[in-house]
């Protein structure tokens, strides 16, 4: 099993993005914002997104946080050293983008919620990993023919190198659902709900970091701070896809924890990530 992975520097933000189709103004530029309500929407259930960087960069993982892909959706990512090259430097092949056990469609009447559910715990995370390789031109193919919405909708594109510690997180890692709804009682004793938003918080402890891991994590925490978001997956490519879906988050660090030295040549810290 792979150790946890963190994509901390999103190369997609430095890329020129294009798409094989878009519905109206719902264009690829929306993949570069942190607003879940701004999405790229395809025409039909097949979509190809192209990301072209100014120079080659090391990439090893891709995530599509807050998308409407179903458990049968397929993804294929190919990377090229330069636009126009015939042979890719990596090719993931066609794999499931976000396999999970469907817990039922979220619907108002007969209309799928789509982007309207992203702030209320809806949506999934498309993702794929590959051996880290330098690439400049990346083509992302998506196919979801059984999608009840009749189109593909993606809110964010995360692409880049990842950090993976030598020793995995300690036991006790937790994911917490946060519901900002409030409950009030009326004079008649009825409970009235003021519906809020739903998101997740992931908390992990790294208690056995090496000197190299300490240095790498320090650069991530210092560089990202509370400002820049990151993508973290506690169980990347796990045999249980629903477990992987639950413990992967695109968010920010709400607080910056200290890095301690509990014993000789070993370092420890905690990481809390709050979903955007």
Protein backbone atom coordinates (compact mmCIF):
# COMPACT_ATOMS: atom_id res chain seq x y z
CA UNK A 1 0.00 0.00 0.00
CA UNK A 2 1.27 3.49 -0.86
CA UNK A 3 1.92 5.99 1.91
CA UNK A 4 -0.02 9.24 2.03
CA UNK A 5 0.62 11.67 -0.80
CA UNK A 6 0.35 15.45 -0.92
CA UNK A 7 0.22 17.54 -4.10
CA UNK A 8 1.30 20.89 -2.70
CA UNK A 9 2.17 22.90 -5.83
CA UNK A 10 -0.53 22.92 -8.49
CA UNK A 11 1.16 23.05 -11.90
CA UNK A 12 -2.26 23.39 -13.55
CA UNK A 13 -2.36 27.00 -12.35
CA UNK A 14 0.61 27.72 -14.62
CA UNK A 15 -0.83 25.90 -17.63
CA UNK A 16 -2.89 26.96 -20.60
CA UNK A 17 -6.07 24.89 -20.44
CA UNK A 18 -8.34 23.91 -23.31
CA UNK A 19 -11.27 21.52 -23.53
CA UNK A 20 -12.85 19.49 -26.32
CA UNK A 21 -16.22 21.07 -25.52
CA UNK A 22 -17.87 23.51 -23.13
CA UNK A 23 -21.44 24.47 -22.36
CA UNK A 24 -21.86 28.22 -22.78
CA UNK A 25 -19.58 30.21 -20.48
CA UNK A 26 -18.71 27.17 -18.34
CA UNK A 27 -15.17 27.11 -19.70
CA UNK A 28 -11.80 25.53 -18.75
CA UNK A 29 -10.75 28.76 -17.00
CA UNK A 30 -13.17 27.81 -14.21
CA UNK A 31 -10.86 24.90 -13.35
CA UNK A 32 -8.36 27.45 -12.04
CA UNK A 33 -10.61 29.05 -9.41
CA UNK A 34 -11.31 28.01 -5.82
CA UNK A 35 -15.06 28.54 -6.18
CA UNK A 36 -16.97 25.27 -6.29
CA UNK A 37 -19.84 26.95 -8.10
CA UNK A 38 -17.58 27.78 -11.08
CA UNK A 39 -17.24 24.68 -13.24
CA UNK A 40 -16.22 23.38 -16.63
CA UNK A 41 -19.24 21.63 -18.15
CA UNK A 42 -18.96 19.43 -21.21
CA UNK A 43 -21.43 18.92 -24.00
CA UNK A 44 -22.14 15.21 -23.74
CA UNK A 45 -20.52 12.61 -21.52
CA UNK A 46 -17.04 12.62 -23.06
CA UNK A 47 -14.51 15.34 -22.34
CA UNK A 48 -10.84 15.93 -23.12
CA UNK A 49 -8.91 18.55 -21.15
CA UNK A 50 -5.47 19.66 -22.32
CA UNK A 51 -2.96 21.38 -20.05
CA UNK A 52 0.13 22.91 -21.67
CA UNK A 53 2.93 24.24 -19.47
CA UNK A 54 5.51 26.83 -20.47
CA UNK A 55 8.32 24.44 -19.48
CA UNK A 56 8.51 20.80 -18.50
CA UNK A 57 7.64 20.07 -14.86
CA UNK A 58 7.65 16.95 -12.70
CA UNK A 59 4.12 15.55 -12.41
CA UNK A 60 2.93 12.40 -10.70
CA UNK A 61 -0.71 12.85 -9.81
CA UNK A 62 -3.95 14.47 -10.88
CA UNK A 63 -7.15 15.23 -9.02
CA UNK A 64 -10.52 16.66 -10.01
CA UNK A 65 -12.08 17.78 -6.70
CA UNK A 66 -15.82 18.41 -6.71
CA UNK A 67 -16.93 16.81 -9.95
CA UNK A 68 -20.09 14.93 -10.93
CA UNK A 69 -18.34 11.80 -12.21
CA UNK A 70 -20.09 8.55 -11.38
CA UNK A 71 -18.51 5.35 -10.09
CA UNK A 72 -18.31 4.03 -13.68
CA UNK A 73 -16.50 7.08 -15.10
CA UNK A 74 -13.18 6.39 -16.84
CA UNK A 75 -10.07 8.55 -16.99
CA UNK A 76 -6.90 8.37 -19.04
CA UNK A 77 -3.99 10.77 -18.58
CA UNK A 78 -1.13 11.04 -21.04
CA UNK A 79 1.89 13.29 -20.68
CA UNK A 80 4.21 14.47 -23.45
CA UNK A 81 7.61 16.13 -23.34
CA UNK A 82 6.31 18.77 -25.77
CA UNK A 83 3.10 19.57 -27.66
CA UNK A 84 2.91 17.64 -30.91
CA UNK A 85 5.03 14.69 -29.72
CA UNK A 86 3.77 11.34 -30.95
CA UNK A 87 4.91 9.22 -28.00
CA UNK A 88 3.89 10.05 -24.42
CA UNK A 89 6.40 10.01 -21.58
CA UNK A 90 3.68 8.44 -19.43
CA UNK A 91 0.25 6.94 -20.03
CA UNK A 92 -2.03 5.82 -17.19
CA UNK A 93 -4.22 3.80 -19.52
CA UNK A 94 -7.98 3.81 -19.08
CA UNK A 95 -8.90 3.39 -15.40
CA UNK A 96 -11.82 4.21 -13.12
CA UNK A 97 -11.70 7.89 -12.22
CA UNK A 98 -13.47 7.76 -8.86
CA UNK A 99 -14.66 4.27 -8.10
CA UNK A 100 -16.85 4.21 -5.02
CA UNK A 101 -19.99 2.55 -3.72
CA UNK A 102 -22.85 4.79 -4.90
CA UNK A 103 -24.94 5.73 -1.90
CA UNK A 104 -27.83 6.97 -3.99
CA UNK A 105 -28.34 9.87 -6.36
CA UNK A 106 -28.94 13.26 -4.81
CA UNK A 107 -31.98 14.63 -6.60
CA UNK A 108 -34.56 17.38 -6.35
CA UNK A 109 -37.46 15.81 -8.16
CA UNK A 110 -35.92 14.11 -11.20
CA UNK A 111 -33.09 16.62 -11.76
CA UNK A 112 -29.59 15.66 -10.55
CA UNK A 113 -28.09 18.32 -8.29
CA UNK A 114 -24.68 18.52 -9.93
CA UNK A 115 -22.81 21.66 -8.90
CA UNK A 116 -25.62 22.64 -6.51
CA UNK A 117 -24.59 19.74 -4.23
CA UNK A 118 -20.88 20.54 -4.01
CA UNK A 119 -21.33 22.78 -0.95
CA UNK A 120 -23.55 20.22 0.80
CA UNK A 121 -21.33 17.14 0.76
CA UNK A 122 -22.15 16.16 -2.81
CA UNK A 123 -19.80 15.48 -5.68
CA UNK A 124 -16.82 13.15 -5.94
CA UNK A 125 -13.06 13.37 -6.44
CA UNK A 126 -11.66 12.07 -9.72
CA UNK A 127 -8.00 11.09 -9.36
CA UNK A 128 -5.12 9.10 -10.82
CA UNK A 129 -1.46 8.55 -9.95
CA UNK A 130 1.57 7.53 -12.02
CA UNK A 131 5.38 7.35 -11.61
CA UNK A 132 6.70 10.91 -11.38
CA UNK A 133 7.83 12.13 -14.78
CA UNK A 134 8.79 15.42 -16.38
CA UNK A 135 6.14 16.54 -18.88
CA UNK A 136 5.01 19.74 -20.51
CA UNK A 137 1.83 18.73 -22.34
CA UNK A 138 -0.84 16.70 -20.50
CA UNK A 139 -4.04 15.33 -22.03
CA UNK A 140 -6.83 14.22 -19.68
CA UNK A 141 -9.55 12.07 -21.22
CA UNK A 142 -12.82 11.56 -19.35
CA UNK A 143 -15.73 9.31 -20.30
CA UNK A 144 -18.90 8.84 -18.25
CA UNK A 145 -21.62 7.50 -20.58
CA UNK A 146 -23.97 6.53 -17.74
CA UNK A 147 -23.92 9.93 -16.06
CA UNK A 148 -27.58 10.82 -15.39
CA UNK A 149 -26.85 14.53 -15.89
CA UNK A 150 -25.90 13.92 -19.52
CA UNK A 151 -22.68 15.93 -19.16
CA UNK A 152 -19.44 16.06 -17.16
CA UNK A 153 -18.89 18.84 -14.66
CA UNK A 154 -15.55 19.62 -12.94
CA UNK A 155 -14.85 22.40 -10.46
CA UNK A 156 -11.05 22.26 -10.06
CA UNK A 157 -7.98 20.71 -11.71
CA UNK A 158 -5.00 19.71 -9.54
CA UNK A 159 -1.88 18.47 -11.32
CA UNK A 160 1.67 18.18 -10.09
CA UNK A 161 4.44 16.50 -8.19
CA UNK A 162 3.65 14.92 -4.83
CA UNK A 163 5.41 14.34 -1.53
CA UNK A 164 5.22 10.86 -0.03
CA UNK A 165 6.89 10.26 3.37
CA UNK A 166 9.10 7.26 3.98
CA UNK A 167 6.93 6.23 6.93
CA UNK A 168 3.18 6.52 6.71
CA UNK A 169 0.88 8.42 9.04
CA UNK A 170 0.33 6.95 12.49
CA UNK A 171 -2.80 5.02 13.40
CA UNK A 172 -5.66 7.21 14.53
CA UNK A 173 -6.00 9.43 11.47
CA UNK A 174 -9.50 10.84 11.35
CA UNK A 175 -11.86 12.45 8.88
CA UNK A 176 -14.62 14.60 10.36
CA UNK A 177 -17.81 15.70 8.58
CA UNK A 178 -18.64 19.30 9.47
CA UNK A 179 -22.22 20.54 9.10
CA UNK A 180 -22.73 24.25 9.75
CA UNK A 181 -26.52 23.88 9.99
CA UNK A 182 -28.13 25.16 13.18
CA UNK A 183 -31.07 23.70 15.09
CA UNK A 184 -33.63 25.84 16.90
CA UNK A 185 -36.80 25.10 18.80
CA UNK A 186 -39.96 27.12 18.21
CA UNK A 187 -42.38 28.14 20.93
CA UNK A 188 -44.50 25.17 19.89
CA UNK A 189 -41.61 22.78 20.45
CA UNK A 190 -40.89 22.08 16.78
CA UNK A 191 -37.31 21.82 15.63
CA UNK A 192 -36.44 24.25 12.85
CA UNK A 193 -33.28 23.76 10.78
CA UNK A 194 -31.31 26.60 9.26
CA UNK A 195 -29.43 24.67 6.57
CA UNK A 196 -25.71 25.41 6.35
CA UNK A 197 -22.83 23.99 4.38
CA UNK A 198 -21.08 20.66 4.72
CA UNK A 199 -17.38 19.92 4.37
CA UNK A 200 -14.72 17.60 5.80
CA UNK A 201 -11.65 17.93 7.99
CA UNK A 202 -8.75 15.47 7.84
CA UNK A 203 -6.37 15.08 10.79
CA UNK A 204 -3.24 12.95 10.64
CA UNK A 205 -0.15 12.49 12.79
CA UNK A 206 3.33 11.90 11.40
CA UNK A 207 5.33 10.56 14.32
CA UNK A 208 8.34 8.95 12.64
CA UNK A 209 9.63 11.40 10.04
CA UNK A 210 13.18 11.15 8.78
CA UNK A 211 15.43 14.17 8.41
CA UNK A 212 14.63 14.36 4.69
CA UNK A 213 10.88 14.10 5.30
CA UNK A 214 11.08 16.79 7.97
CA UNK A 215 12.82 19.12 5.52
CA UNK A 216 10.33 18.41 2.74
CA UNK A 217 7.29 18.85 4.97
CA UNK A 218 8.72 22.08 6.39
CA UNK A 219 8.99 23.47 2.86
CA UNK A 220 5.36 22.48 2.16
CA UNK A 221 3.97 24.00 5.37
CA UNK A 222 6.13 27.12 5.09
CA UNK A 223 5.39 27.58 1.39
CA UNK A 224 1.66 26.90 1.45
CA UNK A 225 0.85 28.30 4.86
CA UNK A 226 -2.85 28.95 5.36
CA UNK A 227 -3.08 30.64 1.96
CA UNK A 228 -2.39 28.03 -0.71
CA UNK A 229 -4.56 24.89 -0.95
CA UNK A 230 -3.18 21.39 -1.31
CA UNK A 231 -4.50 17.95 -2.20
CA UNK A 232 -3.87 15.15 0.27
CA UNK A 233 -4.77 11.46 -0.09
CA UNK A 234 -4.24 9.21 2.91
CA UNK A 235 -4.90 6.01 0.96
CA UNK A 236 -3.83 6.60 -2.66
CA UNK A 237 -4.68 3.74 -5.04
CA UNK A 238 -6.13 1.71 -2.18
CA UNK A 239 -7.96 -1.54 -2.92
CA UNK A 240 -11.04 -0.08 -1.20
CA UNK A 241 -11.96 2.87 -3.45
CA UNK A 242 -14.58 4.22 -1.05
CA UNK A 243 -11.93 4.43 1.68
CA UNK A 244 -9.73 6.38 -0.72
CA UNK A 245 -12.60 8.73 -1.60
CA UNK A 246 -13.34 9.42 2.06
CA UNK A 247 -9.76 10.19 3.09
CA UNK A 248 -8.73 12.49 0.26
CA UNK A 249 -9.26 16.21 0.58
CA UNK A 250 -8.54 19.35 -1.37
CA UNK A 251 -8.28 22.12 1.15
CA UNK A 252 -6.15 24.43 3.26
CA UNK A 253 -4.28 24.20 6.54
CA UNK A 254 -6.45 26.01 9.13
CA UNK A 255 -3.49 26.15 11.52
CA UNK A 256 0.23 25.46 11.29
CA UNK A 257 1.49 22.85 13.74
CA UNK A 258 4.95 22.63 15.25
CA UNK A 259 7.47 20.01 14.15
CA UNK A 260 8.99 18.34 17.21
CA UNK A 261 11.88 15.93 17.88
CA UNK A 262 10.45 13.19 20.13
CA UNK A 263 13.63 11.12 19.97
CA UNK A 264 17.04 11.06 18.31
CA UNK A 265 17.00 11.80 14.54
CA UNK A 266 13.21 11.47 14.37
CA UNK A 267 10.65 14.19 13.89
CA UNK A 268 6.90 14.44 14.46
CA UNK A 269 4.03 16.76 13.66
CA UNK A 270 0.30 16.80 12.98
CA UNK A 271 -1.47 17.92 9.81
CA UNK A 272 -5.05 19.24 9.74
CA UNK A 273 -6.62 20.00 6.37
CA UNK A 274 -10.00 21.69 6.01
CA UNK A 275 -11.84 21.15 2.72
CA UNK A 276 -12.46 24.32 0.72
